[in-house]
Amino acid sequence: MTQRDRMACAGDEVAFKKETISKLLTLFFREDKTKASSDAVLLMAEMLKVFVEEAARRTVKQADSEDCDTVDIEHFEKVLPQLLLDF
């Protein structure tokens, strides 16, 4: 099975639990009284979804450009610097 086949089979939506996102956001608040609104949590979840999907696409493309049948962490490591700059 090629990378394209795997991506086509992986039609499942990327999803993050709202509670997890909320806890991650509150870890970086300086004051304990600061709260994240539900809209902020939904927006962050959507951003993470886009980031993960784009990372997967770029990683598969990198593996294809190297004529590899499997995607390895090395392919992800090669696309990560540009991905972070783009976000």
N, C-alpha and C. Protein backbone atom coordinates (compact mmCIF):
# COMPACT_ATOMS: atom_id res chain seq x y z
N MET A 1 0.85 -1.18 0.00
CA MET A 1 0.00 0.00 0.00
C MET A 1 0.90 1.24 0.00
N THR A 2 0.65 2.17 -0.92
CA THR A 2 1.46 3.37 -1.03
C THR A 2 0.99 4.43 -0.02
N GLN A 3 1.79 5.49 0.07
CA GLN A 3 1.42 6.58 0.99
C GLN A 3 0.09 7.20 0.59
N ARG A 4 -0.14 7.34 -0.70
CA ARG A 4 -1.40 7.93 -1.15
C ARG A 4 -2.58 7.06 -0.76
N ASP A 5 -2.40 5.74 -0.87
CA ASP A 5 -3.47 4.83 -0.47
C ASP A 5 -3.75 4.96 1.01
N ARG A 6 -2.68 5.07 1.80
CA ARG A 6 -2.86 5.20 3.25
C ARG A 6 -3.56 6.50 3.60
N MET A 7 -3.21 7.58 2.91
CA MET A 7 -3.85 8.87 3.18
C MET A 7 -5.33 8.80 2.77
N ALA A 8 -5.63 8.10 1.68
CA ALA A 8 -7.02 7.98 1.25
C ALA A 8 -7.81 7.14 2.24
N CYS A 9 -7.17 6.10 2.77
CA CYS A 9 -7.85 5.24 3.74
C CYS A 9 -8.01 5.95 5.08
N ALA A 10 -7.15 6.89 5.35
CA ALA A 10 -7.20 7.60 6.62
C ALA A 10 -8.18 8.76 6.52
N GLY A 11 -9.40 8.47 6.12
CA GLY A 11 -10.40 9.50 5.95
C GLY A 11 -10.97 10.00 7.26
N ASP A 12 -10.51 9.42 8.37
CA ASP A 12 -11.00 9.86 9.67
C ASP A 12 -10.57 11.29 9.92
N GLU A 13 -11.47 12.04 10.49
CA GLU A 13 -11.17 13.42 10.85
C GLU A 13 -10.20 13.46 12.02
N VAL A 14 -9.28 14.39 11.97
CA VAL A 14 -8.42 14.63 13.11
C VAL A 14 -9.27 15.35 14.14
N ALA A 15 -9.26 14.86 15.36
CA ALA A 15 -10.08 15.47 16.40
C ALA A 15 -9.31 15.52 17.71
N PHE A 16 -9.48 16.61 18.41
CA PHE A 16 -8.86 16.78 19.71
C PHE A 16 -9.97 17.00 20.73
N LYS A 17 -9.79 16.43 21.90
CA LYS A 17 -10.79 16.62 22.95
C LYS A 17 -10.74 18.05 23.45
N LYS A 18 -11.91 18.64 23.61
CA LYS A 18 -11.99 20.02 24.08
C LYS A 18 -11.34 20.19 25.45
N GLU A 19 -11.50 19.19 26.30
CA GLU A 19 -10.92 19.26 27.65
C GLU A 19 -9.39 19.30 27.58
N THR A 20 -8.82 18.52 26.67
CA THR A 20 -7.37 18.49 26.51
C THR A 20 -6.85 19.83 26.02
N ILE A 21 -7.52 20.38 25.03
CA ILE A 21 -7.11 21.69 24.49
C ILE A 21 -7.23 22.76 25.57
N SER A 22 -8.30 22.74 26.30
CA SER A 22 -8.51 23.72 27.37
C SER A 22 -7.39 23.63 28.41
N LYS A 23 -7.04 22.42 28.80
CA LYS A 23 -5.97 22.25 29.79
C LYS A 23 -4.63 22.72 29.25
N LEU A 24 -4.36 22.43 27.98
CA LEU A 24 -3.11 22.89 27.37
C LEU A 24 -3.04 24.42 27.34
N LEU A 25 -4.15 25.05 27.00
CA LEU A 25 -4.18 26.50 26.97
C LEU A 25 -3.94 27.09 28.36
N THR A 26 -4.59 26.52 29.37
CA THR A 26 -4.47 27.09 30.71
C THR A 26 -3.09 26.87 31.32
N LEU A 27 -2.34 25.91 30.80
CA LEU A 27 -0.96 25.71 31.29
C LEU A 27 -0.09 26.94 31.05
N PHE A 28 -0.43 27.72 30.03
CA PHE A 28 0.40 28.86 29.66
C PHE A 28 -0.14 30.19 30.17
N PHE A 29 -1.24 30.16 30.90
CA PHE A 29 -1.77 31.39 31.49
C PHE A 29 -0.94 31.74 32.71
N ARG A 30 -0.69 33.02 32.89
CA ARG A 30 0.13 33.46 34.02
C ARG A 30 -0.67 33.56 35.30
N GLU A 31 -1.95 33.87 35.18
CA GLU A 31 -2.80 34.00 36.36
C GLU A 31 -3.81 32.87 36.40
N ASP A 32 -4.03 32.34 37.58
CA ASP A 32 -4.95 31.22 37.74
C ASP A 32 -6.40 31.60 37.42
N LYS A 33 -6.72 32.88 37.53
CA LYS A 33 -8.08 33.33 37.29
C LYS A 33 -8.44 33.39 35.80
N THR A 34 -7.45 33.36 34.93
CA THR A 34 -7.69 33.46 33.49
C THR A 34 -8.33 32.18 32.99
N LYS A 35 -9.37 32.33 32.20
CA LYS A 35 -10.10 31.19 31.64
C LYS A 35 -10.10 31.29 30.13
N ALA A 36 -10.20 30.16 29.47
CA ALA A 36 -10.32 30.11 28.02
C ALA A 36 -11.79 29.92 27.66
N SER A 37 -12.29 30.76 26.79
CA SER A 37 -13.69 30.63 26.37
C SER A 37 -13.85 29.40 25.48
N SER A 38 -15.06 28.97 25.33
CA SER A 38 -15.31 27.80 24.48
C SER A 38 -14.96 28.11 23.02
N ASP A 39 -15.14 29.37 22.61
CA ASP A 39 -14.76 29.77 21.26
C ASP A 39 -13.25 29.67 21.06
N ALA A 40 -12.49 30.07 22.07
CA ALA A 40 -11.03 30.00 21.99
C ALA A 40 -10.56 28.55 21.91
N VAL A 41 -11.21 27.68 22.66
CA VAL A 41 -10.86 26.26 22.64
C VAL A 41 -11.18 25.66 21.27
N LEU A 42 -12.34 26.00 20.71
CA LEU A 42 -12.70 25.49 19.39
C LEU A 42 -11.75 26.00 18.31
N LEU A 43 -11.36 27.25 18.41
CA LEU A 43 -10.43 27.83 17.44
C LEU A 43 -9.08 27.13 17.52
N MET A 44 -8.58 26.90 18.72
CA MET A 44 -7.30 26.22 18.89
C MET A 44 -7.38 24.79 18.39
N ALA A 45 -8.48 24.10 18.62
CA ALA A 45 -8.66 22.74 18.13
C ALA A 45 -8.63 22.71 16.61
N GLU A 46 -9.25 23.70 15.99
CA GLU A 46 -9.25 23.78 14.53
C GLU A 46 -7.84 24.06 14.01
N MET A 47 -7.11 24.93 14.66
CA MET A 47 -5.73 25.22 14.26
C MET A 47 -4.86 23.97 14.37
N LEU A 48 -5.00 23.22 15.44
CA LEU A 48 -4.24 21.99 15.61
C LEU A 48 -4.60 20.97 14.54
N LYS A 49 -5.87 20.89 14.20
CA LYS A 49 -6.32 19.98 13.16
C LYS A 49 -5.65 20.33 11.83
N VAL A 50 -5.66 21.59 11.47
CA VAL A 50 -5.05 22.03 10.22
C VAL A 50 -3.55 21.74 10.24
N PHE A 51 -2.91 22.00 11.36
CA PHE A 51 -1.47 21.77 11.50
C PHE A 51 -1.13 20.29 11.30
N VAL A 52 -1.86 19.41 11.95
CA VAL A 52 -1.59 17.98 11.86
C VAL A 52 -1.85 17.46 10.45
N GLU A 53 -2.93 17.89 9.83
CA GLU A 53 -3.23 17.45 8.47
C GLU A 53 -2.17 17.93 7.49
N GLU A 54 -1.72 19.17 7.64
CA GLU A 54 -0.68 19.70 6.76
C GLU A 54 0.65 18.98 6.99
N ALA A 55 0.95 18.68 8.23
CA ALA A 55 2.18 17.92 8.53
C ALA A 55 2.14 16.56 7.86
N ALA A 56 1.01 15.90 7.91
CA ALA A 56 0.87 14.58 7.28
C ALA A 56 1.03 14.68 5.77
N ARG A 57 0.39 15.69 5.16
CA ARG A 57 0.50 15.86 3.71
C ARG A 57 1.95 16.11 3.28
N ARG A 58 2.61 16.99 3.99
CA ARG A 58 4.00 17.32 3.62
C ARG A 58 4.93 16.13 3.85
N THR A 59 4.67 15.37 4.88
CA THR A 59 5.51 14.21 5.17
C THR A 59 5.35 13.16 4.08
N VAL A 60 4.14 12.91 3.65
CA VAL A 60 3.89 11.95 2.57
C VAL A 60 4.54 12.44 1.28
N LYS A 61 4.42 13.72 1.00
CA LYS A 61 5.03 14.29 -0.21
C LYS A 61 6.55 14.14 -0.17
N GLN A 62 7.14 14.35 1.00
CA GLN A 62 8.59 14.19 1.15
C GLN A 62 9.00 12.74 0.89
N ALA A 63 8.26 11.79 1.44
CA ALA A 63 8.56 10.38 1.23
C ALA A 63 8.42 10.02 -0.25
N ASP A 64 7.39 10.55 -0.91
CA ASP A 64 7.20 10.31 -2.34
C ASP A 64 8.37 10.86 -3.14
N SER A 65 8.85 12.04 -2.78
CA SER A 65 9.95 12.65 -3.52
C SER A 65 11.25 11.86 -3.38
N GLU A 66 11.35 11.06 -2.32
CA GLU A 66 12.52 10.22 -2.12
C GLU A 66 12.28 8.79 -2.59
N ASP A 67 11.15 8.56 -3.28
CA ASP A 67 10.77 7.24 -3.79
C ASP A 67 10.77 6.18 -2.70
N CYS A 68 10.26 6.53 -1.54
CA CYS A 68 10.15 5.58 -0.43
C CYS A 68 8.74 5.00 -0.40
N ASP A 69 8.67 3.73 -0.03
CA ASP A 69 7.37 3.07 0.09
C ASP A 69 6.72 3.30 1.44
N THR A 70 7.51 3.69 2.42
CA THR A 70 6.99 3.93 3.76
C THR A 70 7.39 5.32 4.23
N VAL A 71 6.59 5.86 5.11
CA VAL A 71 6.88 7.17 5.69
C VAL A 71 7.56 6.95 7.03
N ASP A 72 8.69 7.58 7.21
CA ASP A 72 9.45 7.45 8.45
C ASP A 72 9.52 8.80 9.15
N ILE A 73 9.99 8.75 10.38
CA ILE A 73 10.13 9.98 11.17
C ILE A 73 11.12 10.94 10.50
N GLU A 74 12.08 10.38 9.77
CA GLU A 74 13.05 11.24 9.08
C GLU A 74 12.38 12.14 8.05
N HIS A 75 11.34 11.64 7.41
CA HIS A 75 10.60 12.46 6.44
C HIS A 75 9.91 13.62 7.15
N PHE A 76 9.34 13.32 8.30
CA PHE A 76 8.69 14.37 9.08
C PHE A 76 9.72 15.40 9.56
N GLU A 77 10.87 14.92 10.01
CA GLU A 77 11.90 15.83 10.49
C GLU A 77 12.40 16.76 9.39
N LYS A 78 12.37 16.30 8.16
CA LYS A 78 12.81 17.14 7.04
C LYS A 78 11.81 18.25 6.73
N VAL A 79 10.53 18.00 6.91
CA VAL A 79 9.53 19.02 6.59
C VAL A 79 9.19 19.91 7.77
N LEU A 80 9.56 19.50 8.97
CA LEU A 80 9.16 20.23 10.18
C LEU A 80 9.65 21.68 10.24
N PRO A 81 10.91 21.99 9.92
CA PRO A 81 11.34 23.40 10.01
C PRO A 81 10.49 24.34 9.16
N GLN A 82 10.24 23.98 7.91
CA GLN A 82 9.43 24.84 7.05
C GLN A 82 7.98 24.90 7.52
N LEU A 83 7.47 23.77 7.99
CA LEU A 83 6.10 23.73 8.50
C LEU A 83 5.93 24.71 9.66
N LEU A 84 6.88 24.71 10.59
CA LEU A 84 6.81 25.63 11.73
C LEU A 84 6.93 27.08 11.30
N LEU A 85 7.74 27.34 10.30
CA LEU A 85 7.84 28.71 9.79
C LEU A 85 6.54 29.16 9.11
N ASP A 86 5.87 28.23 8.47
CA ASP A 86 4.63 28.57 7.79
C ASP A 86 3.48 28.83 8.75
N PHE A 87 3.55 28.24 9.94
CA PHE A 87 2.51 28.46 10.93
C PHE A 87 2.97 29.51 11.90
